[in-house]
């Protein structure tokens, strides 16, 4: 027995088929738009990462060019990975157990910081600088009968006092008001006690090198990437 569909039934099936086709087209369109959006965001992040790497390399090269002759004399280290200049000789930095700057360290800062800040305020870098961190570090020891726990907090207080003194001194030497305003907006003092020790090859603490002051440059690449990711969630 042959069964024939009514024209009404055929029209119903055609309507459903047409509807499914439209829905599939809409889904495909949404997928394409989403993939394009994701690709655009990825391209932005890749571009920022490449710019960050280029900026990192160029700043390092400029610092090397400017300070290579001084690093050995000052007993400093230029770390290209962390983009920092590290002053490692505690005897020329501060009096033992004190936050007062030695005169020799003041003379080093008088030569170092104006040249350092001149590089960072160059138009090719100025807008990419998020923070210039002055970091004070100590060894894990503290003279006297203190426990390791108490030694950590004693050294924390000392490292904070020292970085604040460095900050006060270098800002007091800037006479240009615009440069002072920009530097104040970027420069921070960070006492870190013994939380970032330097170790010898045999994994024992290098107490001398752990006592140091670092000038560390942080660019704004990370903040740009975070901003793109937050916008993509909206």
Protein backbone atom coordinates (compact mmCIF):
# COMPACT_ATOMS: atom_id res chain seq x y z
CA UNK A 1 0.00 0.00 0.00
CA UNK A 2 1.57 3.32 -1.04
CA UNK A 3 1.33 6.19 1.37
CA UNK A 4 1.37 9.74 0.04
CA UNK A 5 2.22 12.71 2.21
CA UNK A 6 -0.17 15.58 2.13
CA UNK A 7 1.07 18.91 0.87
CA UNK A 8 0.59 20.25 4.40
CA UNK A 9 2.96 17.63 5.83
CA UNK A 10 5.52 18.30 3.10
CA UNK A 11 5.41 22.02 3.79
CA UNK A 12 5.87 21.32 7.51
CA UNK A 13 8.99 19.23 6.88
CA UNK A 14 10.34 21.82 4.47
CA UNK A 15 9.81 24.52 7.08
CA UNK A 16 11.70 22.50 9.70
CA UNK A 17 14.49 21.80 7.22
CA UNK A 18 14.72 25.47 6.30
CA UNK A 19 14.79 26.40 9.98
CA UNK A 20 17.62 23.94 10.67
CA UNK A 21 19.58 25.35 7.74
CA UNK A 22 19.14 28.88 9.04
CA UNK A 23 20.22 27.82 12.54
CA UNK A 24 23.29 26.07 11.17
CA UNK A 25 24.21 29.19 9.21
CA UNK A 26 23.80 31.32 12.33
CA UNK A 27 25.93 28.90 14.35
CA UNK A 28 28.59 28.88 11.62
CA UNK A 29 28.57 32.67 11.51
CA UNK A 30 28.93 32.91 15.30
CA UNK A 31 31.81 30.40 15.20
CA UNK A 32 33.62 32.35 12.50
CA UNK A 33 33.17 35.64 14.36
CA UNK A 34 34.37 34.03 17.63
CA UNK A 35 37.41 32.44 15.99
CA UNK A 36 38.27 35.74 14.31
CA UNK A 37 37.94 37.53 17.64
CA UNK A 38 40.17 34.97 19.37
CA UNK A 39 42.75 35.26 16.60
CA UNK A 40 42.72 39.04 16.89
CA UNK A 41 43.27 38.86 20.66
CA UNK A 42 46.03 36.29 20.23
CA UNK A 43 47.66 38.49 17.61
CA UNK A 44 47.50 41.45 20.00
CA UNK A 45 49.09 39.42 22.81
CA UNK A 46 51.78 38.10 20.45
CA UNK A 47 52.50 41.63 19.28
CA UNK A 48 52.80 42.87 22.87
CA UNK A 49 55.08 39.96 23.78
CA UNK A 50 57.32 40.71 20.81
CA UNK A 51 57.39 44.40 21.68
CA UNK A 52 58.21 43.51 25.30
CA UNK A 53 61.11 41.30 24.21
CA UNK A 54 62.43 43.98 21.86
CA UNK A 55 62.15 46.66 24.55
CA UNK A 56 63.86 44.37 27.08
CA UNK A 57 66.77 43.73 24.72
CA UNK A 58 67.15 47.37 23.71
CA UNK A 59 67.11 48.64 27.31
CA UNK A 60 69.68 46.00 28.27
CA UNK A 61 71.92 47.00 25.36
CA UNK A 62 71.67 50.69 26.27
CA UNK A 63 72.48 49.93 29.91
CA UNK A 64 75.48 47.83 28.87
CA UNK A 65 76.71 50.54 26.55
CA UNK A 66 76.39 53.19 29.26
CA UNK A 67 77.69 51.28 32.29
CA UNK A 68 80.06 48.53 31.10
CA UNK A 69 83.13 50.48 32.18
CA UNK A 70 81.62 51.20 35.60
CA UNK A 71 80.22 47.80 36.55
CA UNK A 72 83.50 46.24 37.59
CA UNK A 73 84.68 49.39 39.37
CA UNK A 74 81.41 49.64 41.29
CA UNK A 75 81.22 45.86 41.84
CA UNK A 76 77.84 45.79 40.09
CA UNK A 77 76.03 43.18 38.04
CA UNK A 78 73.70 43.83 35.12
CA UNK A 79 71.07 41.09 34.93
CA UNK A 80 69.38 41.10 31.50
CA UNK A 81 66.78 38.49 32.53
CA UNK A 82 65.34 40.58 35.36
CA UNK A 83 66.36 43.90 33.78
CA UNK A 84 68.16 45.00 36.91
CA UNK A 85 71.44 46.50 38.07
CA UNK A 86 72.64 44.95 41.30
CA UNK A 87 75.04 46.63 43.75
CA UNK A 88 76.59 43.74 45.65
CA UNK A 89 79.30 45.12 47.91
CA UNK A 90 77.63 45.87 51.26
CA UNK A 91 80.76 47.46 52.72
CA UNK A 92 80.61 50.35 50.25
CA UNK A 93 76.83 50.75 50.47
CA UNK A 94 75.98 51.21 54.16
CA UNK A 95 77.53 51.16 57.57
CA UNK A 96 77.21 47.74 59.23
CA UNK A 97 73.69 47.26 60.60
CA UNK A 98 72.79 50.82 59.60
CA UNK A 99 70.57 52.42 56.98
CA UNK A 100 72.91 55.40 56.54
CA UNK A 101 74.48 55.57 53.09
CA UNK A 102 78.26 55.56 52.95
CA UNK A 103 79.82 58.54 51.19
CA UNK A 104 81.30 56.20 48.57
CA UNK A 105 77.84 54.84 47.75
CA UNK A 106 76.50 58.38 47.48
CA UNK A 107 79.20 59.20 44.94
CA UNK A 108 78.28 56.05 42.97
CA UNK A 109 74.60 57.03 42.99
CA UNK A 110 75.54 60.57 41.89
CA UNK A 111 77.15 59.07 38.79
CA UNK A 112 74.80 56.15 38.22
CA UNK A 113 71.25 57.40 38.69
CA UNK A 114 71.16 60.47 36.38
CA UNK A 115 72.50 58.35 33.50
CA UNK A 116 70.18 55.46 34.41
CA UNK A 117 67.07 57.64 34.45
CA UNK A 118 68.12 59.41 31.24
CA UNK A 119 67.99 56.06 29.43
CA UNK A 120 64.54 55.20 30.80
CA UNK A 121 63.05 58.61 29.96
CA UNK A 122 64.11 58.30 26.34
CA UNK A 123 60.94 58.63 24.19
CA UNK A 124 61.37 55.07 22.88
CA UNK A 125 61.07 53.67 26.44
CA UNK A 126 59.31 56.29 28.57
CA UNK A 127 55.73 55.15 27.95
CA UNK A 128 56.62 51.48 28.46
CA UNK A 129 58.04 51.89 31.98
CA UNK A 130 55.58 50.84 34.66
CA UNK A 131 57.85 50.80 37.71
CA UNK A 132 61.45 51.29 38.77
CA UNK A 133 61.97 49.22 41.89
CA UNK A 134 64.70 49.89 44.43
CA UNK A 135 65.03 46.55 46.20
CA UNK A 136 66.95 46.04 49.43
CA UNK A 137 68.13 42.52 50.23
CA UNK A 138 69.94 41.04 53.22
CA UNK A 139 71.49 37.74 54.22
CA UNK A 140 69.56 35.48 56.58
CA UNK A 141 71.77 36.19 59.58
CA UNK A 142 71.47 38.82 62.27
CA UNK A 143 74.11 39.47 64.91
CA UNK A 144 73.13 38.62 68.46
CA UNK A 145 70.85 36.14 70.13
CA UNK A 146 67.97 36.40 67.66
CA UNK A 147 66.12 33.39 66.26
CA UNK A 148 65.88 32.89 62.46
CA UNK A 149 62.30 34.18 62.68
CA UNK A 150 63.33 37.34 64.52
CA UNK A 151 66.37 37.77 62.27
CA UNK A 152 64.03 37.83 59.25
CA UNK A 153 61.98 40.70 60.69
CA UNK A 154 65.04 42.59 61.92
CA UNK A 155 66.47 42.36 58.41
CA UNK A 156 63.10 43.35 56.95
CA UNK A 157 63.14 46.57 58.93
CA UNK A 158 66.76 47.21 57.96
CA UNK A 159 66.20 46.54 54.25
CA UNK A 160 63.13 48.79 54.19
CA UNK A 161 65.00 51.61 55.93
CA UNK A 162 67.90 51.29 53.50
CA UNK A 163 65.79 51.42 50.33
CA UNK A 164 63.90 54.40 51.69
CA UNK A 165 67.21 56.19 52.33
CA UNK A 166 68.36 55.43 48.77
CA UNK A 167 65.04 56.72 47.44
CA UNK A 168 65.27 59.92 49.49
CA UNK A 169 68.83 60.57 48.40
CA UNK A 170 68.40 60.12 44.65
CA UNK A 171 65.17 62.15 44.57
CA UNK A 172 66.87 64.96 46.48
CA UNK A 173 69.43 65.23 43.68
CA UNK A 174 66.86 65.82 40.89
CA UNK A 175 66.42 69.55 40.20
CA UNK A 176 64.20 69.38 37.13
CA UNK A 177 60.55 69.48 38.24
CA UNK A 178 59.15 67.49 35.31
CA UNK A 179 61.79 64.78 35.70
CA UNK A 180 61.18 64.68 39.45
CA UNK A 181 57.43 64.26 38.93
CA UNK A 182 57.91 61.41 36.43
CA UNK A 183 60.52 59.68 38.59
CA UNK A 184 58.36 59.89 41.71
CA UNK A 185 55.49 58.28 39.78
CA UNK A 186 57.65 55.28 38.84
CA UNK A 187 60.15 54.82 41.65
CA UNK A 188 59.33 52.55 44.62
CA UNK A 189 61.34 51.41 47.65
CA UNK A 190 61.02 47.71 48.54
CA UNK A 191 62.71 46.07 51.52
CA UNK A 192 62.68 42.28 51.05
CA UNK A 193 64.84 41.09 53.96
CA UNK A 194 66.28 37.62 53.21
CA UNK A 195 63.41 36.41 51.02
CA UNK A 196 65.55 36.33 47.84
CA UNK A 197 68.91 34.92 48.84
CA UNK A 198 71.77 34.27 46.44
CA UNK A 199 73.27 30.79 46.64
CA UNK A 200 76.68 29.31 45.92
CA UNK A 201 77.04 26.45 43.39
CA UNK A 202 76.87 23.98 46.31
CA UNK A 203 73.48 25.51 47.34
CA UNK A 204 74.82 27.17 50.48
CA UNK A 205 73.86 30.78 51.10
CA UNK A 206 76.25 33.38 49.70
CA UNK A 207 75.88 35.87 52.53
CA UNK A 208 78.03 38.59 50.99
CA UNK A 209 76.23 38.66 47.63
CA UNK A 210 72.83 38.33 49.30
CA UNK A 211 73.42 41.73 50.93
CA UNK A 212 72.66 44.00 48.02
CA UNK A 213 70.63 46.82 46.51
CA UNK A 214 68.99 46.37 43.11
CA UNK A 215 67.49 48.81 40.64
CA UNK A 216 64.93 46.74 38.75
CA UNK A 217 62.96 47.93 35.71
CA UNK A 218 59.42 46.67 35.13
CA UNK A 219 57.68 47.39 31.81
CA UNK A 220 53.91 47.57 31.31
CA UNK A 221 53.63 44.60 28.89
CA UNK A 222 52.00 42.43 31.54
CA UNK A 223 49.32 45.04 32.25
CA UNK A 224 48.56 45.37 28.53
CA UNK A 225 48.04 41.62 28.19
CA UNK A 226 45.78 41.54 31.27
CA UNK A 227 43.74 44.43 29.84
CA UNK A 228 43.24 42.56 26.55
CA UNK A 229 42.15 39.40 28.38
CA UNK A 230 39.68 41.36 30.52
CA UNK A 231 38.21 43.07 27.46
CA UNK A 232 37.77 39.71 25.74
CA UNK A 233 35.57 38.53 28.64
CA UNK A 234 33.16 41.43 28.29
